[in-house]
Amino acid sequence: MMKNLPFNKRLANALQGLLHALRHERSLRFHALGAFAVFAAILILRPGYLWSAILILTVGTVLTAELFNTALETLVDHLHPERHEKIRIVKDCAAAAVLLAAMMAVGVALAFTLTFFTD
């Protein structure tokens, strides 16, 4: 049974999932690269606590959406490998969640850039 495992085992499982997704999902690697760029910008530019928190939360939202999308697509492909219209809709909606999170991240990046570089 996988319930009520010790913390270190749950942490190891989560890290295994993250590493698996990074190895097998190009989109997650792309978003992770963007996350490292944002973290580097925070360290270099030192925008203050509020902007740093906004940027970190935004990056986290995109990566979380991508991981949920990966998990859902993996599960759906395993349970229903053949093409089906309802399955396509499920997968498209999950991909749309990632797209929306990424678009919000672009909006935050624009607001940050305008605020930080025009003052």
PDB file of N, CA and C in Angstrom:
ATOM      1  N   MET A   1       0.842  -1.182   0.000  1.00  0.00           N
ATOM      2  CA  MET A   1       0.000   0.000   0.000  1.00  0.00           C
ATOM      3  C   MET A   1       0.887   1.246   0.000  1.00  0.00           C
ATOM      4  N   MET A   2       0.514   2.235  -0.798  1.00  0.00           N
ATOM      5  CA  MET A   2       1.333   3.430  -0.964  1.00  0.00           C
ATOM      6  C   MET A   2       0.933   4.574  -0.029  1.00  0.00           C
ATOM      7  N   LYS A   3      -0.062   4.394   0.840  1.00  0.00           N
ATOM      8  CA  LYS A   3      -0.502   5.451   1.741  1.00  0.00           C
ATOM      9  C   LYS A   3       0.353   5.454   3.008  1.00  0.00           C
ATOM     10  N   ASN A   4       0.462   6.627   3.611  1.00  0.00           N
ATOM     11  CA  ASN A   4       1.119   6.805   4.914  1.00  0.00           C
ATOM     12  C   ASN A   4       2.575   6.342   4.942  1.00  0.00           C
ATOM     13  N   LEU A   5       3.266   6.544   3.843  1.00  0.00           N
ATOM     14  CA  LEU A   5       4.694   6.236   3.816  1.00  0.00           C
ATOM     15  C   LEU A   5       5.457   7.293   4.609  1.00  0.00           C
ATOM     16  N   PRO A   6       6.653   6.959   5.078  1.00  0.00           N
ATOM     17  CA  PRO A   6       7.473   7.970   5.759  1.00  0.00           C
ATOM     18  C   PRO A   6       7.796   9.122   4.801  1.00  0.00           C
ATOM     19  N   PHE A   7       8.051  10.285   5.378  1.00  0.00           N
ATOM     20  CA  PHE A   7       8.298  11.485   4.572  1.00  0.00           C
ATOM     21  C   PHE A   7       9.418  11.282   3.567  1.00  0.00           C
ATOM     22  N   ASN A   8      10.532  10.676   4.008  1.00  0.00           N
ATOM     23  CA  ASN A   8      11.667  10.527   3.093  1.00  0.00           C
ATOM     24  C   ASN A   8      11.309   9.656   1.890  1.00  0.00           C
ATOM     25  N   LYS A   9      10.446   8.662   2.054  1.00  0.00           N
ATOM     26  CA  LYS A   9      10.015   7.813   0.936  1.00  0.00           C
ATOM     27  C   LYS A   9       9.100   8.608  -0.008  1.00  0.00           C
ATOM     28  N   ARG A  10       8.188   9.394   0.562  1.00  0.00           N
ATOM     29  CA  ARG A  10       7.301  10.223  -0.282  1.00  0.00           C
ATOM     30  C   ARG A  10       8.118  11.248  -1.057  1.00  0.00           C
ATOM     31  N   LEU A  11       9.117  11.839  -0.403  1.00  0.00           N
ATOM     32  CA  LEU A  11       9.989  12.801  -1.074  1.00  0.00           C
ATOM     33  C   LEU A  11      10.761  12.122  -2.207  1.00  0.00           C
ATOM     34  N   ALA A  12      11.283  10.941  -1.944  1.00  0.00           N
ATOM     35  CA  ALA A  12      12.017  10.205  -2.986  1.00  0.00           C
ATOM     36  C   ALA A  12      11.101   9.896  -4.170  1.00  0.00           C
ATOM     37  N   ASN A  13       9.859   9.498  -3.903  1.00  0.00           N
ATOM     38  CA  ASN A  13       8.907   9.220  -4.987  1.00  0.00           C
ATOM     39  C   ASN A  13       8.635  10.472  -5.812  1.00  0.00           C
ATOM     40  N   ALA A  14       8.453  11.594  -5.135  1.00  0.00           N
ATOM     41  CA  ALA A  14       8.189  12.850  -5.846  1.00  0.00           C
ATOM     42  C   ALA A  14       9.381  13.243  -6.714  1.00  0.00           C
ATOM     43  N   LEU A  15      10.578  13.104  -6.181  1.00  0.00           N
ATOM     44  CA  LEU A  15      11.776  13.431  -6.961  1.00  0.00           C
ATOM     45  C   LEU A  15      11.950  12.489  -8.145  1.00  0.00           C
ATOM     46  N   GLN A  16      11.605  11.222  -7.964  1.00  0.00           N
ATOM     47  CA  GLN A  16      11.650  10.276  -9.090  1.00  0.00           C
ATOM     48  C   GLN A  16      10.675  10.704 -10.183  1.00  0.00           C
ATOM     49  N   GLY A  17       9.490  11.148  -9.786  1.00  0.00           N
ATOM     50  CA  GLY A  17       8.516  11.628 -10.766  1.00  0.00           C
ATOM     51  C   GLY A  17       9.016  12.847 -11.508  1.00  0.00           C
ATOM     52  N   LEU A  18       9.614  13.780 -10.786  1.00  0.00           N
ATOM     53  CA  LEU A  18      10.159  14.981 -11.417  1.00  0.00           C
ATOM     54  C   LEU A  18      11.281  14.626 -12.385  1.00  0.00           C
ATOM     55  N   LEU A  19      12.185  13.771 -11.965  1.00  0.00           N
ATOM     56  CA  LEU A  19      13.287  13.374 -12.846  1.00  0.00           C
ATOM     57  C   LEU A  19      12.787  12.631 -14.082  1.00  0.00           C
ATOM     58  N   HIS A  20      11.796  11.756 -13.895  1.00  0.00           N
ATOM     59  CA  HIS A  20      11.218  11.049 -15.038  1.00  0.00           C
ATOM     60  C   HIS A  20      10.621  12.045 -16.036  1.00  0.00           C
ATOM     61  N   ALA A  21       9.854  12.994 -15.513  1.00  0.00           N
ATOM     62  CA  ALA A  21       9.226  13.982 -16.390  1.00  0.00           C
ATOM     63  C   ALA A  21      10.278  14.828 -17.098  1.00  0.00           C
ATOM     64  N   LEU A  22      11.324  15.221 -16.398  1.00  0.00           N
ATOM     65  CA  LEU A  22      12.379  16.013 -17.031  1.00  0.00           C
ATOM     66  C   LEU A  22      13.085  15.222 -18.131  1.00  0.00           C
ATOM     67  N   ARG A  23      13.272  13.914 -17.914  1.00  0.00           N
ATOM     68  CA  ARG A  23      13.937  13.087 -18.932  1.00  0.00           C
ATOM     69  C   ARG A  23      13.064  12.873 -20.165  1.00  0.00           C
ATOM     70  N   HIS A  24      11.753  12.804 -19.975  1.00  0.00           N
ATOM     71  CA  HIS A  24      10.883  12.367 -21.062  1.00  0.00           C
ATOM     72  C   HIS A  24       9.996  13.457 -21.663  1.00  0.00           C
ATOM     73  N   GLU A  25       9.941  14.628 -21.063  1.00  0.00           N
ATOM     74  CA  GLU A  25       9.045  15.676 -21.555  1.00  0.00           C
ATOM     75  C   GLU A  25       9.836  16.909 -21.980  1.00  0.00           C
ATOM     76  N   ARG A  26       9.887  17.131 -23.281  1.00  0.00           N
ATOM     77  CA  ARG A  26      10.606  18.276 -23.833  1.00  0.00           C
ATOM     78  C   ARG A  26      10.026  19.596 -23.321  1.00  0.00           C
ATOM     79  N   SER A  27       8.700  19.669 -23.231  1.00  0.00           N
ATOM     80  CA  SER A  27       8.075  20.908 -22.762  1.00  0.00           C
ATOM     81  C   SER A  27       8.492  21.246 -21.342  1.00  0.00           C
ATOM     82  N   LEU A  28       8.577  20.249 -20.487  1.00  0.00           N
ATOM     83  CA  LEU A  28       8.993  20.498 -19.105  1.00  0.00           C
ATOM     84  C   LEU A  28      10.441  20.962 -19.065  1.00  0.00           C
ATOM     85  N   ARG A  29      11.291  20.380 -19.884  1.00  0.00           N
ATOM     86  CA  ARG A  29      12.686  20.836 -19.938  1.00  0.00           C
ATOM     87  C   ARG A  29      12.764  22.283 -20.400  1.00  0.00           C
ATOM     88  N   PHE A  30      11.945  22.647 -21.371  1.00  0.00           N
ATOM     89  CA  PHE A  30      11.907  24.031 -21.863  1.00  0.00           C
ATOM     90  C   PHE A  30      11.467  24.975 -20.743  1.00  0.00           C
ATOM     91  N   HIS A  31      10.411  24.607 -20.025  1.00  0.00           N
ATOM     92  CA  HIS A  31       9.925  25.451 -18.934  1.00  0.00           C
ATOM     93  C   HIS A  31      10.929  25.495 -17.784  1.00  0.00           C
ATOM     94  N   ALA A  32      11.618  24.397 -17.521  1.00  0.00           N
ATOM     95  CA  ALA A  32      12.635  24.376 -16.468  1.00  0.00           C
ATOM     96  C   ALA A  32      13.796  25.305 -16.827  1.00  0.00           C
ATOM     97  N   LEU A  33      14.162  25.338 -18.102  1.00  0.00           N
ATOM     98  CA  LEU A  33      15.200  26.255 -18.550  1.00  0.00           C
ATOM     99  C   LEU A  33      14.761  27.694 -18.315  1.00  0.00           C
ATOM    100  N   GLY A  34      13.503  27.985 -18.628  1.00  0.00           N
ATOM    101  CA  GLY A  34      12.964  29.316 -18.352  1.00  0.00           C
ATOM    102  C   GLY A  34      12.982  29.635 -16.864  1.00  0.00           C
ATOM    103  N   ALA A  35      12.673  28.638 -16.037  1.00  0.00           N
ATOM    104  CA  ALA A  35      12.685  28.829 -14.585  1.00  0.00           C
ATOM    105  C   ALA A  35      14.090  29.194 -14.109  1.00  0.00           C
ATOM    106  N   PHE A  36      15.100  28.493 -14.614  1.00  0.00           N
ATOM    107  CA  PHE A  36      16.474  28.821 -14.231  1.00  0.00           C
ATOM    108  C   PHE A  36      16.847  30.232 -14.670  1.00  0.00           C
ATOM    109  N   ALA A  37      16.371  30.647 -15.839  1.00  0.00           N
ATOM    110  CA  ALA A  37      16.636  32.012 -16.305  1.00  0.00           C
ATOM    111  C   ALA A  37      15.994  33.035 -15.368  1.00  0.00           C
ATOM    112  N   VAL A  38      14.769  32.754 -14.933  1.00  0.00           N
ATOM    113  CA  VAL A  38      14.083  33.668 -14.013  1.00  0.00           C
ATOM    114  C   VAL A  38      14.822  33.725 -12.683  1.00  0.00           C
ATOM    115  N   PHE A  39      15.236  32.565 -12.156  1.00  0.00           N
ATOM    116  CA  PHE A  39      15.962  32.550 -10.881  1.00  0.00           C
ATOM    117  C   PHE A  39      17.297  33.291 -11.005  1.00  0.00           C
ATOM    118  N   ALA A  40      17.955  33.128 -12.141  1.00  0.00           N
ATOM    119  CA  ALA A  40      19.207  33.863 -12.364  1.00  0.00           C
ATOM    120  C   ALA A  40      18.941  35.366 -12.403  1.00  0.00           C
ATOM    121  N   ALA A  41      17.859  35.768 -13.062  1.00  0.00           N
ATOM    122  CA  ALA A  41      17.509  37.188 -13.130  1.00  0.00           C
ATOM    123  C   ALA A  41      17.216  37.739 -11.733  1.00  0.00           C
ATOM    124  N   ILE A  42      16.539  36.945 -10.908  1.00  0.00           N
ATOM    125  CA  ILE A  42      16.265  37.386  -9.533  1.00  0.00           C
ATOM    126  C   ILE A  42      17.570  37.593  -8.774  1.00  0.00           C
ATOM    127  N   LEU A  43      18.502  36.653  -8.911  1.00  0.00           N
ATOM    128  CA  LEU A  43      19.782  36.768  -8.202  1.00  0.00           C
ATOM    129  C   LEU A  43      20.611  37.952  -8.701  1.00  0.00           C
ATOM    130  N   ILE A  44      20.566  38.201  -9.996  1.00  0.00           N
ATOM    131  CA  ILE A  44      21.363  39.287 -10.578  1.00  0.00           C
ATOM    132  C   ILE A  44      20.723  40.647 -10.336  1.00  0.00           C
ATOM    133  N   LEU A  45      19.416  40.753 -10.602  1.00  0.00           N
ATOM    134  CA  LEU A  45      18.743  42.050 -10.548  1.00  0.00           C
ATOM    135  C   LEU A  45      18.255  42.434  -9.148  1.00  0.00           C
ATOM    136  N   ARG A  46      18.047  41.444  -8.283  1.00  0.00           N
ATOM    137  CA  ARG A  46      17.555  41.672  -6.926  1.00  0.00           C
ATOM    138  C   ARG A  46      16.363  42.625  -6.913  1.00  0.00           C
ATOM    139  N   PRO A  47      15.239  42.182  -7.479  1.00  0.00           N
ATOM    140  CA  PRO A  47      14.098  43.081  -7.652  1.00  0.00           C
ATOM    141  C   PRO A  47      13.303  43.398  -6.382  1.00  0.00           C
ATOM    142  N   GLY A  48      13.614  42.796  -5.283  1.00  0.00           N
ATOM    143  CA  GLY A  48      12.853  43.020  -4.054  1.00  0.00           C
ATOM    144  C   GLY A  48      11.989  41.801  -3.764  1.00  0.00           C
ATOM    145  N   TYR A  49      11.519  41.744  -2.523  1.00  0.00           N
ATOM    146  CA  TYR A  49      10.789  40.560  -2.067  1.00  0.00           C
ATOM    147  C   TYR A  49       9.482  40.335  -2.812  1.00  0.00           C
ATOM    148  N   LEU A  50       8.722  41.390  -3.047  1.00  0.00           N
ATOM    149  CA  LEU A  50       7.414  41.218  -3.687  1.00  0.00           C
ATOM    150  C   LEU A  50       7.559  40.718  -5.126  1.00  0.00           C
ATOM    151  N   TRP A  51       8.399  41.367  -5.907  1.00  0.00           N
ATOM    152  CA  TRP A  51       8.601  40.912  -7.279  1.00  0.00           C
ATOM    153  C   TRP A  51       9.220  39.519  -7.323  1.00  0.00           C
ATOM    154  N   SER A  52      10.134  39.246  -6.414  1.00  0.00           N
ATOM    155  CA  SER A  52      10.729  37.911  -6.368  1.00  0.00           C
ATOM    156  C   SER A  52       9.662  36.859  -6.090  1.00  0.00           C
ATOM    157  N   ALA A  53       8.788  37.143  -5.134  1.00  0.00           N
ATOM    158  CA  ALA A  53       7.713  36.197  -4.811  1.00  0.00           C
ATOM    159  C   ALA A  53       6.776  36.001  -5.995  1.00  0.00           C
ATOM    160  N   ILE A  54       6.421  37.083  -6.662  1.00  0.00           N
ATOM    161  CA  ILE A  54       5.528  36.985  -7.828  1.00  0.00           C
ATOM    162  C   ILE A  54       6.177  36.132  -8.917  1.00  0.00           C
ATOM    163  N   LEU A  55       7.447  36.388  -9.192  1.00  0.00           N
ATOM    164  CA  LEU A  55       8.148  35.631 -10.235  1.00  0.00           C
ATOM    165  C   LEU A  55       8.273  34.160  -9.861  1.00  0.00           C
ATOM    166  N   ILE A  56       8.608  33.867  -8.612  1.00  0.00           N
ATOM    167  CA  ILE A  56       8.755  32.472  -8.179  1.00  0.00           C
ATOM    168  C   ILE A  56       7.419  31.749  -8.239  1.00  0.00           C
ATOM    169  N   LEU A  57       6.347  32.399  -7.784  1.00  0.00           N
ATOM    170  CA  LEU A  57       5.016  31.780  -7.852  1.00  0.00           C
ATOM    171  C   LEU A  57       4.580  31.539  -9.295  1.00  0.00           C
ATOM    172  N   THR A  58       4.910  32.464 -10.168  1.00  0.00           N
ATOM    173  CA  THR A  58       4.554  32.315 -11.575  1.00  0.00           C
ATOM    174  C   THR A  58       5.291  31.136 -12.207  1.00  0.00           C
ATOM    175  N   VAL A  59       6.590  31.048 -11.949  1.00  0.00           N
ATOM    176  CA  VAL A  59       7.381  29.921 -12.457  1.00  0.00           C
ATOM    177  C   VAL A  59       6.839  28.611 -11.901  1.00  0.00           C
ATOM    178  N   GLY A  60       6.557  28.597 -10.618  1.00  0.00           N
ATOM    179  CA  GLY A  60       6.016  27.394  -9.987  1.00  0.00           C
ATOM    180  C   GLY A  60       4.690  26.971 -10.579  1.00  0.00           C
ATOM    181  N   THR A  61       3.848  27.941 -10.920  1.00  0.00           N
ATOM    182  CA  THR A  61       2.551  27.633 -11.524  1.00  0.00           C
ATOM    183  C   THR A  61       2.720  26.969 -12.890  1.00  0.00           C
ATOM    184  N   VAL A  62       3.620  27.484 -13.690  1.00  0.00           N
ATOM    185  CA  VAL A  62       3.861  26.907 -15.017  1.00  0.00           C
ATOM    186  C   VAL A  62       4.412  25.485 -14.892  1.00  0.00           C
ATOM    187  N   LEU A  63       5.402  25.297 -14.020  1.00  0.00           N
ATOM    188  CA  LEU A  63       5.986  23.966 -13.859  1.00  0.00           C
ATOM    189  C   LEU A  63       4.972  22.978 -13.283  1.00  0.00           C
ATOM    190  N   THR A  64       4.147  23.442 -12.349  1.00  0.00           N
ATOM    191  CA  THR A  64       3.114  22.578 -11.781  1.00  0.00           C
ATOM    192  C   THR A  64       2.097  22.177 -12.839  1.00  0.00           C
ATOM    193  N   ALA A  65       1.661  23.127 -13.644  1.00  0.00           N
ATOM    194  CA  ALA A  65       0.709  22.817 -14.712  1.00  0.00           C
ATOM    195  C   ALA A  65       1.312  21.802 -15.683  1.00  0.00           C
ATOM    196  N   GLU A  66       2.578  21.980 -16.015  1.00  0.00           N
ATOM    197  CA  GLU A  66       3.246  21.055 -16.942  1.00  0.00           C
ATOM    198  C   GLU A  66       3.341  19.655 -16.339  1.00  0.00           C
ATOM    199  N   LEU A  67       3.628  19.557 -15.054  1.00  0.00           N
ATOM    200  CA  LEU A  67       3.711  18.250 -14.402  1.00  0.00           C
ATOM    201  C   LEU A  67       2.346  17.572 -14.331  1.00  0.00           C
ATOM    202  N   PHE A  68       1.298  18.331 -14.012  1.00  0.00           N
ATOM    203  CA  PHE A  68      -0.048  17.750 -14.026  1.00  0.00           C
ATOM    204  C   PHE A  68      -0.433  17.290 -15.427  1.00  0.00           C
ATOM    205  N   ASN A  69      -0.085  18.073 -16.432  1.00  0.00           N
ATOM    206  CA  ASN A  69      -0.371  17.697 -17.814  1.00  0.00           C
ATOM    207  C   ASN A  69       0.353  16.402 -18.171  1.00  0.00           C
ATOM    208  N   THR A  70       1.615  16.302 -17.780  1.00  0.00           N
ATOM    209  CA  THR A  70       2.390  15.087 -18.041  1.00  0.00           C
ATOM    210  C   THR A  70       1.770  13.883 -17.350  1.00  0.00           C
ATOM    211  N   ALA A  71       1.414  14.044 -16.079  1.00  0.00           N
ATOM    212  CA  ALA A  71       0.813  12.935 -15.327  1.00  0.00           C
ATOM    213  C   ALA A  71      -0.500  12.502 -15.962  1.00  0.00           C
ATOM    214  N   LEU A  72      -1.340  13.457 -16.320  1.00  0.00           N
ATOM    215  CA  LEU A  72      -2.636  13.125 -16.917  1.00  0.00           C
ATOM    216  C   LEU A  72      -2.461  12.437 -18.270  1.00  0.00           C
ATOM    217  N   GLU A  73      -1.597  12.967 -19.114  1.00  0.00           N
ATOM    218  CA  GLU A  73      -1.384  12.360 -20.429  1.00  0.00           C
ATOM    219  C   GLU A  73      -0.804  10.947 -20.300  1.00  0.00           C
ATOM    220  N   THR A  74       0.106  10.758 -19.366  1.00  0.00           N
ATOM    221  CA  THR A  74       0.685   9.424 -19.162  1.00  0.00           C
ATOM    222  C   THR A  74      -0.382   8.433 -18.723  1.00  0.00           C
ATOM    223  N   LEU A  75      -1.205   8.838 -17.772  1.00  0.00           N
ATOM    224  CA  LEU A  75      -2.275   7.968 -17.286  1.00  0.00           C
ATOM    225  C   LEU A  75      -3.281   7.655 -18.392  1.00  0.00           C
ATOM    226  N   VAL A  76      -3.717   8.670 -19.104  1.00  0.00           N
ATOM    227  CA  VAL A  76      -4.721   8.483 -20.160  1.00  0.00           C
ATOM    228  C   VAL A  76      -4.171   7.594 -21.275  1.00  0.00           C
ATOM    229  N   ASP A  77      -2.918   7.830 -21.668  1.00  0.00           N
ATOM    230  CA  ASP A  77      -2.325   7.004 -22.724  1.00  0.00           C
ATOM    231  C   ASP A  77      -2.191   5.548 -22.280  1.00  0.00           C
ATOM    232  N   HIS A  78      -1.926   5.330 -21.010  1.00  0.00           N
ATOM    233  CA  HIS A  78      -1.815   3.962 -20.502  1.00  0.00           C
ATOM    234  C   HIS A  78      -3.189   3.273 -20.455  1.00  0.00           C
ATOM    235  N   LEU A  79      -4.191   3.994 -19.980  1.00  0.00           N
ATOM    236  CA  LEU A  79      -5.519   3.396 -19.827  1.00  0.00           C
ATOM    237  C   LEU A  79      -6.284   3.285 -21.141  1.00  0.00           C
ATOM    238  N   HIS A  80      -6.006   4.219 -22.044  1.00  0.00           N
ATOM    239  CA  HIS A  80      -6.770   4.261 -23.298  1.00  0.00           C
ATOM    240  C   HIS A  80      -5.823   4.626 -24.438  1.00  0.00           C
ATOM    241  N   PRO A  81      -4.966   3.692 -24.883  1.00  0.00           N
ATOM    242  CA  PRO A  81      -3.946   4.023 -25.880  1.00  0.00           C
ATOM    243  C   PRO A  81      -4.488   4.353 -27.272  1.00  0.00           C
ATOM    244  N   GLU A  82      -5.675   3.871 -27.599  1.00  0.00           N
ATOM    245  CA  GLU A  82      -6.195   4.184 -28.926  1.00  0.00           C
ATOM    246  C   GLU A  82      -6.820   5.586 -28.931  1.00  0.00           C
ATOM    247  N   ARG A  83      -6.933   6.148 -30.117  1.00  0.00           N
ATOM    248  CA  ARG A  83      -7.491   7.498 -30.253  1.00  0.00           C
ATOM    249  C   ARG A  83      -8.986   7.492 -29.965  1.00  0.00           C
ATOM    250  N   HIS A  84      -9.404   8.530 -29.249  1.00  0.00           N
ATOM    251  CA  HIS A  84     -10.822   8.680 -28.926  1.00  0.00           C
ATOM    252  C   HIS A  84     -11.103  10.172 -28.741  1.00  0.00           C
ATOM    253  N   GLU A  85     -12.216  10.645 -29.249  1.00  0.00           N
ATOM    254  CA  GLU A  85     -12.548  12.063 -29.216  1.00  0.00           C
ATOM    255  C   GLU A  85     -12.587  12.608 -27.786  1.00  0.00           C
ATOM    256  N   LYS A  86     -13.170  11.890 -26.854  1.00  0.00           N
ATOM    257  CA  LYS A  86     -13.253  12.367 -25.461  1.00  0.00           C
ATOM    258  C   LYS A  86     -11.858  12.435 -24.834  1.00  0.00           C
ATOM    259  N   ILE A  87     -11.015  11.472 -25.142  1.00  0.00           N
ATOM    260  CA  ILE A  87      -9.645  11.481 -24.618  1.00  0.00           C
ATOM    261  C   ILE A  87      -8.879  12.665 -25.197  1.00  0.00           C
ATOM    262  N   ARG A  88      -9.075  12.946 -26.481  1.00  0.00           N
ATOM    263  CA  ARG A  88      -8.432  14.104 -27.104  1.00  0.00           C
ATOM    264  C   ARG A  88      -8.828  15.381 -26.384  1.00  0.00           C
ATOM    265  N   ILE A  89     -10.104  15.517 -26.036  1.00  0.00           N
ATOM    266  CA  ILE A  89     -10.574  16.713 -25.343  1.00  0.00           C
ATOM    267  C   ILE A  89      -9.912  16.840 -23.973  1.00  0.00           C
ATOM    268  N   VAL A  90      -9.808  15.736 -23.243  1.00  0.00           N
ATOM    269  CA  VAL A  90      -9.154  15.749 -21.924  1.00  0.00           C
ATOM    270  C   VAL A  90      -7.712  16.225 -22.066  1.00  0.00           C
ATOM    271  N   LYS A  91      -6.994  15.650 -23.018  1.00  0.00           N
ATOM    272  CA  LYS A  91      -5.594  16.007 -23.208  1.00  0.00           C
ATOM    273  C   LYS A  91      -5.442  17.442 -23.690  1.00  0.00           C
ATOM    274  N   ASP A  92      -6.334  17.890 -24.567  1.00  0.00           N
ATOM    275  CA  ASP A  92      -6.288  19.269 -25.043  1.00  0.00           C
ATOM    276  C   ASP A  92      -6.558  20.257 -23.913  1.00  0.00           C
ATOM    277  N   CYS A  93      -7.487  19.929 -23.025  1.00  0.00           N
ATOM    278  CA  CYS A  93      -7.778  20.812 -21.892  1.00  0.00           C
ATOM    279  C   CYS A  93      -6.584  20.900 -20.949  1.00  0.00           C
ATOM    280  N   ALA A  94      -5.918  19.781 -20.714  1.00  0.00           N
ATOM    281  CA  ALA A  94      -4.729  19.799 -19.863  1.00  0.00           C
ATOM    282  C   ALA A  94      -3.624  20.629 -20.510  1.00  0.00           C
ATOM    283  N   ALA A  95      -3.452  20.495 -21.809  1.00  0.00           N
ATOM    284  CA  ALA A  95      -2.459  21.299 -22.518  1.00  0.00           C
ATOM    285  C   ALA A  95      -2.843  22.779 -22.490  1.00  0.00           C
ATOM    286  N   ALA A  96      -4.133  23.073 -22.553  1.00  0.00           N
ATOM    287  CA  ALA A  96      -4.593  24.456 -22.488  1.00  0.00           C
ATOM    288  C   ALA A  96      -4.283  25.075 -21.129  1.00  0.00           C
ATOM    289  N   ALA A  97      -4.330  24.275 -20.069  1.00  0.00           N
ATOM    290  CA  ALA A  97      -3.974  24.777 -18.741  1.00  0.00           C
ATOM    291  C   ALA A  97      -2.512  25.212 -18.706  1.00  0.00           C
ATOM    292  N   VAL A  98      -1.651  24.437 -19.327  1.00  0.00           N
ATOM    293  CA  VAL A  98      -0.236  24.798 -19.402  1.00  0.00           C
ATOM    294  C   VAL A  98      -0.075  26.071 -20.234  1.00  0.00           C
ATOM    295  N   LEU A  99      -0.768  26.137 -21.353  1.00  0.00           N
ATOM    296  CA  LEU A  99      -0.697  27.318 -22.209  1.00  0.00           C
ATOM    297  C   LEU A  99      -1.142  28.564 -21.452  1.00  0.00           C
ATOM    298  N   LEU A 100      -2.226  28.462 -20.719  1.00  0.00           N
ATOM    299  CA  LEU A 100      -2.730  29.605 -19.954  1.00  0.00           C
ATOM    300  C   LEU A 100      -1.716  30.032 -18.892  1.00  0.00           C
ATOM    301  N   ALA A 101      -1.143  29.075 -18.182  1.00  0.00           N
ATOM    302  CA  ALA A 101      -0.132  29.404 -17.175  1.00  0.00           C
ATOM    303  C   ALA A 101       1.074  30.080 -17.825  1.00  0.00           C
ATOM    304  N   ALA A 102       1.495  29.576 -18.974  1.00  0.00           N
ATOM    305  CA  ALA A 102       2.635  30.173 -19.679  1.00  0.00           C
ATOM    306  C   ALA A 102       2.309  31.584 -20.166  1.00  0.00           C
ATOM    307  N   MET A 103       1.093  31.791 -20.650  1.00  0.00           N
ATOM    308  CA  MET A 103       0.687  33.139 -21.085  1.00  0.00           C
ATOM    309  C   MET A 103       0.663  34.108 -19.904  1.00  0.00           C
ATOM    310  N   MET A 104       0.199  33.649 -18.755  1.00  0.00           N
ATOM    311  CA  MET A 104       0.224  34.493 -17.557  1.00  0.00           C
ATOM    312  C   MET A 104       1.664  34.816 -17.173  1.00  0.00           C
ATOM    313  N   ALA A 105       2.559  33.840 -17.325  1.00  0.00           N
ATOM    314  CA  ALA A 105       3.966  34.070 -17.016  1.00  0.00           C
ATOM    315  C   ALA A 105       4.562  35.137 -17.934  1.00  0.00           C
ATOM    316  N   VAL A 106       4.182  35.115 -19.191  1.00  0.00           N
ATOM    317  CA  VAL A 106       4.646  36.143 -20.121  1.00  0.00           C
ATOM    318  C   VAL A 106       4.123  37.513 -19.682  1.00  0.00           C
ATOM    319  N   GLY A 107       2.863  37.554 -19.255  1.00  0.00           N
ATOM    320  CA  GLY A 107       2.298  38.813 -18.755  1.00  0.00           C
ATOM    321  C   GLY A 107       3.048  39.330 -17.541  1.00  0.00           C
ATOM    322  N   VAL A 108       3.377  38.445 -16.618  1.00  0.00           N
ATOM    323  CA  VAL A 108       4.152  38.841 -15.436  1.00  0.00           C
ATOM    324  C   VAL A 108       5.540  39.314 -15.864  1.00  0.00           C
ATOM    325  N   ALA A 109       6.159  38.610 -16.801  1.00  0.00           N
ATOM    326  CA  ALA A 109       7.484  39.012 -17.281  1.00  0.00           C
ATOM    327  C   ALA A 109       7.440  40.391 -17.925  1.00  0.00           C
ATOM    328  N   LEU A 110       6.393  40.658 -18.696  1.00  0.00           N
ATOM    329  CA  LEU A 110       6.259  41.992 -19.305  1.00  0.00           C
ATOM    330  C   LEU A 110       6.073  43.070 -18.246  1.00  0.00           C
ATOM    331  N   ALA A 111       5.205  42.808 -17.273  1.00  0.00           N
ATOM    332  CA  ALA A 111       4.977  43.779 -16.203  1.00  0.00           C
ATOM    333  C   ALA A 111       6.265  44.025 -15.422  1.00  0.00           C
ATOM    334  N   PHE A 112       6.992  42.950 -15.136  1.00  0.00           N
ATOM    335  CA  PHE A 112       8.265  43.082 -14.424  1.00  0.00           C
ATOM    336  C   PHE A 112       9.243  43.918 -15.242  1.00  0.00           C
ATOM    337  N   THR A 113       9.372  43.605 -16.506  1.00  0.00           N
ATOM    338  CA  THR A 113      10.301  44.319 -17.368  1.00  0.00           C
ATOM    339  C   THR A 113       9.951  45.799 -17.446  1.00  0.00           C
ATOM    340  N   LEU A 114       8.685  46.093 -17.646  1.00  0.00           N
ATOM    341  CA  LEU A 114       8.259  47.499 -17.728  1.00  0.00           C
ATOM    342  C   LEU A 114       8.482  48.229 -16.417  1.00  0.00           C
ATOM    343  N   THR A 115       8.188  47.555 -15.322  1.00  0.00           N
ATOM    344  CA  THR A 115       8.367  48.184 -14.011  1.00  0.00           C
ATOM    345  C   THR A 115       9.826  48.345 -13.655  1.00  0.00           C
ATOM    346  N   PHE A 116      10.588  47.304 -13.891  1.00  0.00           N
ATOM    347  CA  PHE A 116      11.985  47.296 -13.440  1.00  0.00           C
ATOM    348  C   PHE A 116      12.884  48.153 -14.316  1.00  0.00           C
ATOM    349  N   PHE A 117      12.624  48.193 -15.608  1.00  0.00           N
ATOM    350  CA  PHE A 117      13.542  48.872 -16.518  1.00  0.00           C
ATOM    351  C   PHE A 117      13.075  50.237 -16.981  1.00  0.00           C
ATOM    352  N   THR A 118      11.901  50.677 -16.557  1.00  0.00           N
ATOM    353  CA  THR A 118      11.455  52.012 -16.959  1.00  0.00           C
ATOM    354  C   THR A 118      11.463  53.001 -15.817  1.00  0.00           C
ATOM    355  N   ASP A 119      11.810  52.524 -14.618  1.00  0.00           N
ATOM    356  CA  ASP A 119      11.864  53.454 -13.471  1.00  0.00           C
ATOM    357  C   ASP A 119      13.190  54.144 -13.378  1.00  0.00           C
TER     358      ASP A 119
END
